[in-house]
Amino acid sequence: MTLATNKPSHLCYIGLGSNLDNPKQQVIEALNALNKIPNTALLKHSSLYRSDPVGPPGQPDYINAVAALSTHLEPERLLDELQAIEQDHQRIRKIHWGPRTLDLDIILFGSQIITTDRLTIPHPYAHERSFVLWPLAEIAPEDLQFPNGNTLTHLLVSNPLGTLEKISV
């Protein structure tokens, strides 16, 4: 995607996850869709990882990844675009932390801290989720600092790889 605008660009990180309807393919297609968001470019993405589900019992495992984007969009506009991609993948929001065809979350948006009814940045649980932090570590600088002052390196120490498994594409 070409970034043709006079607005400043923002580096942001997006978490991707799926555990329904061929999750690996859902995540791969979502990565392609990220690169089609207006005024946004997909810079790089992590490997895919298999992780245990968080939430109600009896769910299938998740496939997760993290992508780095450069965008001229404001955070809520980017959220609109991400939710449109989720809808294109038949995302249904019925059960909190329940199974889903696709989940796209803004993990970080530059160094911004945002708390609204629609959006919380940094993602409120990113700092405690191995399936976010380890893929993020593949593509972000190791001294990446969260707005609260924690570095990615520090967060990795307190969130071991555990059962998280890198998988082939």
N, C-alpha and C. Protein backbone atom coordinates (compact mmCIF):
# COMPACT_ATOMS: atom_id res chain seq x y z
N MET A 1 0.84 -1.18 0.00
CA MET A 1 0.00 0.00 0.00
C MET A 1 0.88 1.23 0.00
N THR A 2 0.51 2.24 -0.76
CA THR A 2 1.24 3.50 -0.80
C THR A 2 0.71 4.43 0.28
N LEU A 3 1.62 5.10 0.93
CA LEU A 3 1.24 6.03 1.98
C LEU A 3 1.33 7.45 1.44
N ALA A 4 0.36 7.86 0.66
CA ALA A 4 0.37 9.18 0.04
C ALA A 4 -0.54 10.13 0.81
N THR A 5 0.03 10.81 1.78
CA THR A 5 -0.72 11.78 2.57
C THR A 5 0.26 12.68 3.30
N ASN A 6 -0.23 13.82 3.74
CA ASN A 6 0.63 14.74 4.48
C ASN A 6 0.55 14.52 5.99
N LYS A 7 -0.35 13.65 6.42
CA LYS A 7 -0.47 13.36 7.85
C LYS A 7 0.74 12.56 8.31
N PRO A 8 1.12 12.72 9.60
CA PRO A 8 2.24 11.92 10.10
C PRO A 8 1.88 10.44 10.15
N SER A 9 2.88 9.60 9.97
CA SER A 9 2.61 8.17 10.05
C SER A 9 2.88 7.68 11.48
N HIS A 10 2.20 6.61 11.82
CA HIS A 10 2.32 6.01 13.14
C HIS A 10 2.73 4.55 12.97
N LEU A 11 3.67 4.11 13.78
CA LEU A 11 4.02 2.69 13.83
C LEU A 11 3.10 2.03 14.84
N CYS A 12 2.41 1.00 14.40
CA CYS A 12 1.53 0.29 15.33
C CYS A 12 1.70 -1.21 15.15
N TYR A 13 1.31 -1.92 16.18
CA TYR A 13 1.39 -3.37 16.17
C TYR A 13 0.00 -3.94 16.37
N ILE A 14 -0.35 -4.90 15.53
CA ILE A 14 -1.67 -5.51 15.52
C ILE A 14 -1.54 -6.99 15.88
N GLY A 15 -2.32 -7.43 16.86
CA GLY A 15 -2.39 -8.85 17.20
C GLY A 15 -3.47 -9.51 16.37
N LEU A 16 -3.17 -10.69 15.85
CA LEU A 16 -4.13 -11.46 15.05
C LEU A 16 -4.34 -12.81 15.71
N GLY A 17 -5.58 -13.28 15.72
CA GLY A 17 -5.87 -14.59 16.28
C GLY A 17 -7.12 -15.19 15.66
N SER A 18 -7.14 -16.51 15.58
CA SER A 18 -8.29 -17.24 15.06
C SER A 18 -8.28 -18.65 15.62
N ASN A 19 -9.49 -19.19 15.90
CA ASN A 19 -9.56 -20.60 16.28
C ASN A 19 -10.77 -21.31 15.66
N LEU A 20 -11.33 -20.73 14.61
CA LEU A 20 -12.46 -21.35 13.91
C LEU A 20 -12.25 -21.30 12.40
N ASP A 21 -12.86 -22.25 11.69
CA ASP A 21 -12.92 -22.22 10.22
C ASP A 21 -11.55 -22.06 9.57
N ASN A 22 -10.66 -23.04 9.80
CA ASN A 22 -9.31 -23.03 9.24
C ASN A 22 -8.52 -21.81 9.74
N PRO A 23 -8.20 -21.79 11.04
CA PRO A 23 -7.57 -20.61 11.63
C PRO A 23 -6.29 -20.15 10.96
N LYS A 24 -5.46 -21.08 10.52
CA LYS A 24 -4.21 -20.67 9.86
C LYS A 24 -4.53 -19.83 8.63
N GLN A 25 -5.47 -20.29 7.82
CA GLN A 25 -5.85 -19.56 6.61
C GLN A 25 -6.50 -18.22 6.96
N GLN A 26 -7.30 -18.19 8.02
CA GLN A 26 -7.93 -16.93 8.44
C GLN A 26 -6.86 -15.88 8.75
N VAL A 27 -5.82 -16.28 9.47
CA VAL A 27 -4.76 -15.34 9.85
C VAL A 27 -3.97 -14.91 8.62
N ILE A 28 -3.65 -15.83 7.74
CA ILE A 28 -2.91 -15.49 6.51
C ILE A 28 -3.71 -14.50 5.67
N GLU A 29 -5.00 -14.76 5.50
CA GLU A 29 -5.85 -13.84 4.73
C GLU A 29 -5.95 -12.48 5.40
N ALA A 30 -6.00 -12.47 6.72
CA ALA A 30 -6.07 -11.20 7.45
C ALA A 30 -4.78 -10.39 7.27
N LEU A 31 -3.64 -11.07 7.26
CA LEU A 31 -2.38 -10.36 7.01
C LEU A 31 -2.41 -9.69 5.64
N ASN A 32 -2.93 -10.38 4.64
CA ASN A 32 -3.06 -9.78 3.31
C ASN A 32 -4.01 -8.59 3.34
N ALA A 33 -5.10 -8.71 4.09
CA ALA A 33 -6.09 -7.63 4.17
C ALA A 33 -5.51 -6.39 4.87
N LEU A 34 -4.63 -6.59 5.84
CA LEU A 34 -4.02 -5.45 6.52
C LEU A 34 -3.27 -4.56 5.54
N ASN A 35 -2.66 -5.17 4.54
CA ASN A 35 -1.89 -4.41 3.56
C ASN A 35 -2.78 -3.64 2.59
N LYS A 36 -4.08 -3.86 2.65
CA LYS A 36 -5.02 -3.16 1.76
C LYS A 36 -5.75 -2.02 2.48
N ILE A 37 -5.47 -1.80 3.75
CA ILE A 37 -6.10 -0.71 4.47
C ILE A 37 -5.59 0.61 3.89
N PRO A 38 -6.49 1.55 3.60
CA PRO A 38 -6.05 2.83 3.02
C PRO A 38 -5.03 3.55 3.91
N ASN A 39 -4.06 4.18 3.26
CA ASN A 39 -3.04 4.97 3.94
C ASN A 39 -2.30 4.19 5.02
N THR A 40 -2.12 2.91 4.75
CA THR A 40 -1.47 2.01 5.71
C THR A 40 -0.61 1.02 4.94
N ALA A 41 0.53 0.68 5.51
CA ALA A 41 1.40 -0.33 4.90
C ALA A 41 1.76 -1.39 5.92
N LEU A 42 1.69 -2.63 5.50
CA LEU A 42 2.16 -3.75 6.32
C LEU A 42 3.68 -3.76 6.20
N LEU A 43 4.37 -3.54 7.31
CA LEU A 43 5.83 -3.50 7.30
C LEU A 43 6.43 -4.89 7.42
N LYS A 44 5.91 -5.67 8.36
CA LYS A 44 6.37 -7.04 8.56
C LYS A 44 5.40 -7.74 9.49
N HIS A 45 5.54 -9.06 9.55
CA HIS A 45 4.71 -9.83 10.47
C HIS A 45 5.52 -10.98 11.04
N SER A 46 5.06 -11.46 12.16
CA SER A 46 5.73 -12.56 12.85
C SER A 46 5.40 -13.89 12.18
N SER A 47 6.03 -14.91 12.69
CA SER A 47 5.62 -16.28 12.36
C SER A 47 4.23 -16.50 12.94
N LEU A 48 3.64 -17.62 12.57
CA LEU A 48 2.37 -18.03 13.17
C LEU A 48 2.67 -18.91 14.37
N TYR A 49 1.82 -18.79 15.39
CA TYR A 49 1.98 -19.56 16.62
C TYR A 49 0.67 -20.24 16.97
N ARG A 50 0.76 -21.43 17.53
CA ARG A 50 -0.41 -22.12 18.08
C ARG A 50 -0.39 -21.87 19.59
N SER A 51 -1.56 -21.50 20.13
CA SER A 51 -1.64 -21.22 21.56
C SER A 51 -2.91 -21.82 22.16
N ASP A 52 -2.84 -22.07 23.45
CA ASP A 52 -4.02 -22.52 24.18
C ASP A 52 -5.04 -21.38 24.21
N PRO A 53 -6.32 -21.72 24.20
CA PRO A 53 -7.34 -20.66 24.26
C PRO A 53 -7.40 -20.01 25.64
N VAL A 54 -7.76 -18.73 25.64
CA VAL A 54 -8.05 -17.99 26.86
C VAL A 54 -9.55 -17.81 26.87
N GLY A 55 -10.19 -18.12 27.97
CA GLY A 55 -11.64 -17.94 28.03
C GLY A 55 -12.36 -19.24 28.32
N PRO A 56 -13.61 -19.34 27.86
CA PRO A 56 -14.43 -20.51 28.17
C PRO A 56 -13.75 -21.82 27.75
N PRO A 57 -13.92 -22.87 28.56
CA PRO A 57 -13.31 -24.17 28.22
C PRO A 57 -13.96 -24.80 26.99
N GLY A 58 -13.22 -25.74 26.41
CA GLY A 58 -13.75 -26.50 25.28
C GLY A 58 -13.52 -25.87 23.93
N GLN A 59 -12.74 -24.79 23.87
CA GLN A 59 -12.44 -24.15 22.59
C GLN A 59 -11.24 -24.82 21.93
N PRO A 60 -11.19 -24.76 20.60
CA PRO A 60 -9.98 -25.23 19.92
C PRO A 60 -8.82 -24.26 20.16
N ASP A 61 -7.60 -24.73 19.90
CA ASP A 61 -6.42 -23.88 20.00
C ASP A 61 -6.52 -22.72 19.02
N TYR A 62 -5.78 -21.67 19.34
CA TYR A 62 -5.72 -20.49 18.48
C TYR A 62 -4.48 -20.52 17.60
N ILE A 63 -4.56 -19.84 16.49
CA ILE A 63 -3.40 -19.49 15.68
C ILE A 63 -3.26 -17.98 15.84
N ASN A 64 -2.04 -17.53 16.21
CA ASN A 64 -1.78 -16.12 16.48
C ASN A 64 -0.59 -15.62 15.69
N ALA A 65 -0.56 -14.31 15.50
CA ALA A 65 0.57 -13.62 14.89
C ALA A 65 0.49 -12.16 15.31
N VAL A 66 1.55 -11.42 15.04
CA VAL A 66 1.56 -9.97 15.25
C VAL A 66 2.11 -9.34 13.98
N ALA A 67 1.51 -8.21 13.59
CA ALA A 67 1.94 -7.47 12.41
C ALA A 67 2.33 -6.05 12.80
N ALA A 68 3.34 -5.52 12.12
CA ALA A 68 3.73 -4.12 12.28
C ALA A 68 3.19 -3.35 11.08
N LEU A 69 2.49 -2.25 11.37
CA LEU A 69 1.93 -1.40 10.32
C LEU A 69 2.48 0.01 10.46
N SER A 70 2.58 0.69 9.33
CA SER A 70 2.77 2.13 9.32
C SER A 70 1.47 2.70 8.78
N THR A 71 0.86 3.61 9.53
CA THR A 71 -0.43 4.13 9.11
C THR A 71 -0.53 5.63 9.32
N HIS A 72 -1.29 6.26 8.45
CA HIS A 72 -1.62 7.67 8.61
C HIS A 72 -3.00 7.83 9.24
N LEU A 73 -3.66 6.72 9.51
CA LEU A 73 -4.99 6.76 10.11
C LEU A 73 -4.88 7.06 11.60
N GLU A 74 -5.93 7.66 12.13
CA GLU A 74 -6.03 7.84 13.57
C GLU A 74 -6.47 6.50 14.19
N PRO A 75 -6.21 6.30 15.47
CA PRO A 75 -6.49 4.99 16.09
C PRO A 75 -7.92 4.48 15.90
N GLU A 76 -8.92 5.32 16.10
CA GLU A 76 -10.30 4.83 15.98
C GLU A 76 -10.64 4.51 14.53
N ARG A 77 -10.06 5.23 13.58
CA ARG A 77 -10.28 4.92 12.17
C ARG A 77 -9.62 3.59 11.82
N LEU A 78 -8.43 3.34 12.36
CA LEU A 78 -7.78 2.04 12.15
C LEU A 78 -8.63 0.93 12.76
N LEU A 79 -9.17 1.16 13.95
CA LEU A 79 -10.05 0.18 14.57
C LEU A 79 -11.24 -0.14 13.67
N ASP A 80 -11.83 0.89 13.05
CA ASP A 80 -12.94 0.67 12.11
C ASP A 80 -12.51 -0.27 10.98
N GLU A 81 -11.32 -0.04 10.44
CA GLU A 81 -10.81 -0.88 9.35
C GLU A 81 -10.58 -2.32 9.82
N LEU A 82 -10.04 -2.47 11.02
CA LEU A 82 -9.80 -3.82 11.55
C LEU A 82 -11.11 -4.55 11.78
N GLN A 83 -12.10 -3.85 12.30
CA GLN A 83 -13.40 -4.48 12.53
C GLN A 83 -14.09 -4.84 11.22
N ALA A 84 -13.86 -4.06 10.17
CA ALA A 84 -14.41 -4.40 8.85
C ALA A 84 -13.77 -5.69 8.33
N ILE A 85 -12.47 -5.86 8.56
CA ILE A 85 -11.80 -7.10 8.16
C ILE A 85 -12.36 -8.27 8.96
N GLU A 86 -12.57 -8.08 10.26
CA GLU A 86 -13.18 -9.14 11.07
C GLU A 86 -14.55 -9.51 10.51
N GLN A 87 -15.35 -8.53 10.14
CA GLN A 87 -16.68 -8.80 9.58
C GLN A 87 -16.58 -9.55 8.26
N ASP A 88 -15.58 -9.21 7.45
CA ASP A 88 -15.37 -9.94 6.19
C ASP A 88 -15.08 -11.42 6.46
N HIS A 89 -14.60 -11.72 7.64
CA HIS A 89 -14.30 -13.10 8.04
C HIS A 89 -15.40 -13.69 8.93
N GLN A 90 -16.58 -13.09 8.88
CA GLN A 90 -17.76 -13.56 9.62
C GLN A 90 -17.54 -13.63 11.13
N ARG A 91 -16.85 -12.64 11.67
CA ARG A 91 -16.66 -12.56 13.12
C ARG A 91 -18.01 -12.33 13.79
N ILE A 92 -18.31 -13.15 14.77
CA ILE A 92 -19.54 -13.01 15.56
C ILE A 92 -19.12 -12.80 17.01
N ARG A 93 -19.63 -11.74 17.62
CA ARG A 93 -19.28 -11.40 19.01
C ARG A 93 -20.43 -11.81 19.92
N LYS A 94 -20.37 -13.04 20.43
CA LYS A 94 -21.42 -13.53 21.33
C LYS A 94 -20.88 -13.78 22.72
N ILE A 95 -19.76 -14.47 22.81
CA ILE A 95 -19.20 -14.88 24.10
C ILE A 95 -17.89 -14.15 24.32
N HIS A 96 -17.78 -13.47 25.47
CA HIS A 96 -16.53 -12.78 25.80
C HIS A 96 -15.39 -13.81 25.84
N TRP A 97 -14.35 -13.55 25.07
CA TRP A 97 -13.19 -14.43 24.94
C TRP A 97 -13.57 -15.79 24.39
N GLY A 98 -14.69 -15.83 23.67
CA GLY A 98 -15.14 -17.08 23.07
C GLY A 98 -14.45 -17.35 21.75
N PRO A 99 -14.77 -18.48 21.12
CA PRO A 99 -14.16 -18.82 19.84
C PRO A 99 -14.51 -17.79 18.78
N ARG A 100 -13.61 -17.63 17.81
CA ARG A 100 -13.84 -16.63 16.76
C ARG A 100 -13.10 -16.98 15.49
N THR A 101 -13.68 -16.56 14.38
CA THR A 101 -13.01 -16.76 13.10
C THR A 101 -11.80 -15.85 12.98
N LEU A 102 -11.91 -14.63 13.55
CA LEU A 102 -10.79 -13.70 13.45
C LEU A 102 -10.90 -12.64 14.54
N ASP A 103 -9.79 -12.36 15.16
CA ASP A 103 -9.70 -11.29 16.15
C ASP A 103 -8.50 -10.44 15.78
N LEU A 104 -8.72 -9.14 15.62
CA LEU A 104 -7.65 -8.19 15.31
C LEU A 104 -7.65 -7.13 16.40
N ASP A 105 -6.53 -6.99 17.09
CA ASP A 105 -6.42 -6.03 18.19
C ASP A 105 -5.25 -5.09 17.96
N ILE A 106 -5.46 -3.81 18.24
CA ILE A 106 -4.35 -2.86 18.25
C ILE A 106 -3.62 -3.06 19.57
N ILE A 107 -2.38 -3.51 19.48
CA ILE A 107 -1.56 -3.76 20.67
C ILE A 107 -0.91 -2.45 21.12
N LEU A 108 -0.23 -1.80 20.21
CA LEU A 108 0.42 -0.51 20.45
C LEU A 108 0.17 0.39 19.26
N PHE A 109 0.06 1.68 19.52
CA PHE A 109 -0.11 2.68 18.46
C PHE A 109 0.87 3.80 18.79
N GLY A 110 2.09 3.68 18.23
CA GLY A 110 3.14 4.61 18.62
C GLY A 110 3.32 4.53 20.13
N SER A 111 3.44 5.68 20.76
CA SER A 111 3.55 5.70 22.23
C SER A 111 2.26 6.21 22.87
N GLN A 112 1.18 6.19 22.09
CA GLN A 112 -0.08 6.73 22.58
C GLN A 112 -0.72 5.85 23.65
N ILE A 113 -1.38 6.52 24.58
CA ILE A 113 -2.21 5.87 25.59
C ILE A 113 -3.62 6.38 25.35
N ILE A 114 -4.54 5.47 25.10
CA ILE A 114 -5.92 5.84 24.77
C ILE A 114 -6.86 4.97 25.59
N THR A 115 -7.84 5.60 26.21
CA THR A 115 -8.88 4.86 26.92
C THR A 115 -10.22 5.50 26.58
N THR A 116 -10.99 4.82 25.73
CA THR A 116 -12.34 5.26 25.39
C THR A 116 -13.26 4.06 25.56
N ASP A 117 -14.55 4.29 25.32
CA ASP A 117 -15.50 3.18 25.39
C ASP A 117 -15.20 2.12 24.33
N ARG A 118 -14.62 2.54 23.20
CA ARG A 118 -14.37 1.63 22.08
C ARG A 118 -12.97 1.06 22.05
N LEU A 119 -12.02 1.75 22.64
CA LEU A 119 -10.63 1.42 22.37
C LEU A 119 -9.74 1.70 23.58
N THR A 120 -8.88 0.73 23.88
CA THR A 120 -7.86 0.91 24.92
C THR A 120 -6.52 0.55 24.31
N ILE A 121 -5.60 1.52 24.33
CA ILE A 121 -4.24 1.32 23.82
C ILE A 121 -3.28 1.84 24.89
N PRO A 122 -2.25 1.06 25.25
CA PRO A 122 -1.96 -0.27 24.73
C PRO A 122 -3.06 -1.26 25.11
N HIS A 123 -3.09 -2.36 24.36
CA HIS A 123 -4.09 -3.38 24.64
C HIS A 123 -3.97 -3.77 26.11
N PRO A 124 -5.10 -3.81 26.84
CA PRO A 124 -5.03 -3.98 28.29
C PRO A 124 -4.44 -5.30 28.79
N TYR A 125 -4.38 -6.32 27.94
CA TYR A 125 -3.84 -7.61 28.39
C TYR A 125 -2.57 -8.03 27.65
N ALA A 126 -2.10 -7.20 26.74
CA ALA A 126 -0.93 -7.58 25.94
C ALA A 126 0.27 -7.93 26.81
N HIS A 127 0.47 -7.20 27.88
CA HIS A 127 1.65 -7.39 28.72
C HIS A 127 1.67 -8.73 29.46
N GLU A 128 0.55 -9.46 29.45
CA GLU A 128 0.50 -10.74 30.17
C GLU A 128 0.19 -11.92 29.26
N ARG A 129 0.27 -11.72 27.96
CA ARG A 129 -0.10 -12.79 27.03
C ARG A 129 1.10 -13.20 26.17
N SER A 130 1.57 -14.40 26.41
CA SER A 130 2.71 -14.92 25.64
C SER A 130 2.40 -14.94 24.15
N PHE A 131 1.15 -15.23 23.78
CA PHE A 131 0.81 -15.33 22.36
C PHE A 131 0.80 -13.97 21.67
N VAL A 132 0.94 -12.89 22.42
CA VAL A 132 1.15 -11.56 21.85
C VAL A 132 2.64 -11.20 21.93
N LEU A 133 3.23 -11.39 23.09
CA LEU A 133 4.59 -10.91 23.33
C LEU A 133 5.66 -11.62 22.51
N TRP A 134 5.58 -12.94 22.40
CA TRP A 134 6.62 -13.67 21.67
C TRP A 134 6.57 -13.39 20.17
N PRO A 135 5.39 -13.37 19.54
CA PRO A 135 5.37 -12.95 18.13
C PRO A 135 5.83 -11.49 17.96
N LEU A 136 5.44 -10.63 18.89
CA LEU A 136 5.87 -9.23 18.84
C LEU A 136 7.39 -9.14 18.90
N ALA A 137 8.00 -9.97 19.73
CA ALA A 137 9.46 -9.95 19.87
C ALA A 137 10.18 -10.31 18.57
N GLU A 138 9.53 -11.06 17.71
CA GLU A 138 10.14 -11.40 16.41
C GLU A 138 10.30 -10.19 15.51
N ILE A 139 9.40 -9.22 15.64
CA ILE A 139 9.35 -8.13 14.65
C ILE A 139 9.63 -6.76 15.23
N ALA A 140 9.65 -6.63 16.55
CA ALA A 140 9.87 -5.33 17.18
C ALA A 140 11.28 -5.26 17.75
N PRO A 141 11.80 -4.05 17.90
CA PRO A 141 13.12 -3.94 18.53
C PRO A 141 13.08 -4.46 19.96
N GLU A 142 14.17 -5.08 20.39
CA GLU A 142 14.13 -5.69 21.72
C GLU A 142 14.01 -4.65 22.83
N ASP A 143 14.36 -3.40 22.54
CA ASP A 143 14.20 -2.35 23.55
C ASP A 143 12.86 -1.62 23.42
N LEU A 144 11.92 -2.20 22.66
CA LEU A 144 10.59 -1.61 22.52
C LEU A 144 10.02 -1.35 23.91
N GLN A 145 9.56 -0.13 24.10
CA GLN A 145 9.04 0.24 25.41
C GLN A 145 7.54 0.49 25.33
N PHE A 146 6.80 -0.13 26.24
CA PHE A 146 5.37 0.13 26.36
C PHE A 146 5.20 1.47 27.06
N PRO A 147 4.09 2.15 26.84
CA PRO A 147 3.90 3.47 27.45
C PRO A 147 4.03 3.48 28.98
N ASN A 148 3.82 2.35 29.64
CA ASN A 148 3.96 2.30 31.10
C ASN A 148 5.41 2.16 31.55
N GLY A 149 6.34 2.09 30.59
CA GLY A 149 7.76 2.00 30.92
C GLY A 149 8.34 0.60 30.83
N ASN A 150 7.51 -0.43 30.80
CA ASN A 150 8.01 -1.80 30.66
C ASN A 150 8.60 -2.00 29.27
N THR A 151 9.72 -2.69 29.22
CA THR A 151 10.28 -3.03 27.92
C THR A 151 9.80 -4.41 27.51
N LEU A 152 9.83 -4.65 26.23
CA LEU A 152 9.44 -5.96 25.71
C LEU A 152 10.31 -7.05 26.33
N THR A 153 11.60 -6.79 26.44
CA THR A 153 12.51 -7.77 27.03
C THR A 153 12.08 -8.13 28.45
N HIS A 154 11.73 -7.15 29.24
CA HIS A 154 11.28 -7.39 30.62
C HIS A 154 9.99 -8.22 30.63
N LEU A 155 9.06 -7.89 29.74
CA LEU A 155 7.78 -8.60 29.70
C LEU A 155 7.96 -10.05 29.26
N LEU A 156 8.91 -10.31 28.39
CA LEU A 156 9.17 -11.69 27.95
C LEU A 156 9.66 -12.56 29.11
N VAL A 157 10.47 -11.97 29.98
CA VAL A 157 10.98 -12.71 31.14
C VAL A 157 9.82 -13.15 32.03
N SER A 158 8.81 -12.29 32.19
CA SER A 158 7.69 -12.65 33.07
C SER A 158 6.58 -13.40 32.35
N ASN A 159 6.75 -13.65 31.05
CA ASN A 159 5.77 -14.40 30.27
C ASN A 159 6.48 -15.46 29.43
N PRO A 160 6.85 -16.58 30.05
CA PRO A 160 7.60 -17.61 29.31
C PRO A 160 6.80 -18.17 28.14
N LEU A 161 7.52 -18.75 27.23
CA LEU A 161 6.92 -19.33 26.03
C LEU A 161 5.84 -20.35 26.38
N GLY A 162 6.06 -21.13 27.42
CA GLY A 162 5.07 -22.11 27.86
C GLY A 162 4.68 -23.06 26.75
N THR A 163 3.38 -23.21 26.51
CA THR A 163 2.88 -24.14 25.49
C THR A 163 2.77 -23.49 24.11
N LEU A 164 3.16 -22.22 24.01
CA LEU A 164 3.12 -21.54 22.72
C LEU A 164 4.05 -22.25 21.74
N GLU A 165 3.57 -22.51 20.54
CA GLU A 165 4.33 -23.30 19.56
C GLU A 165 4.35 -22.59 18.22
N LYS A 166 5.57 -22.31 17.72
CA LYS A 166 5.70 -21.72 16.39
C LYS A 166 5.34 -22.79 15.37
N ILE A 167 4.54 -22.42 14.36
CA ILE A 167 4.13 -23.40 13.36
C ILE A 167 4.54 -22.92 11.97
N SER A 168 4.59 -23.85 11.03
CA SER A 168 4.95 -23.49 9.66
C SER A 168 3.72 -23.01 8.91
N VAL A 169 3.98 -22.19 7.92
CA VAL A 169 2.86 -21.62 7.14
C VAL A 169 2.42 -22.56 6.09
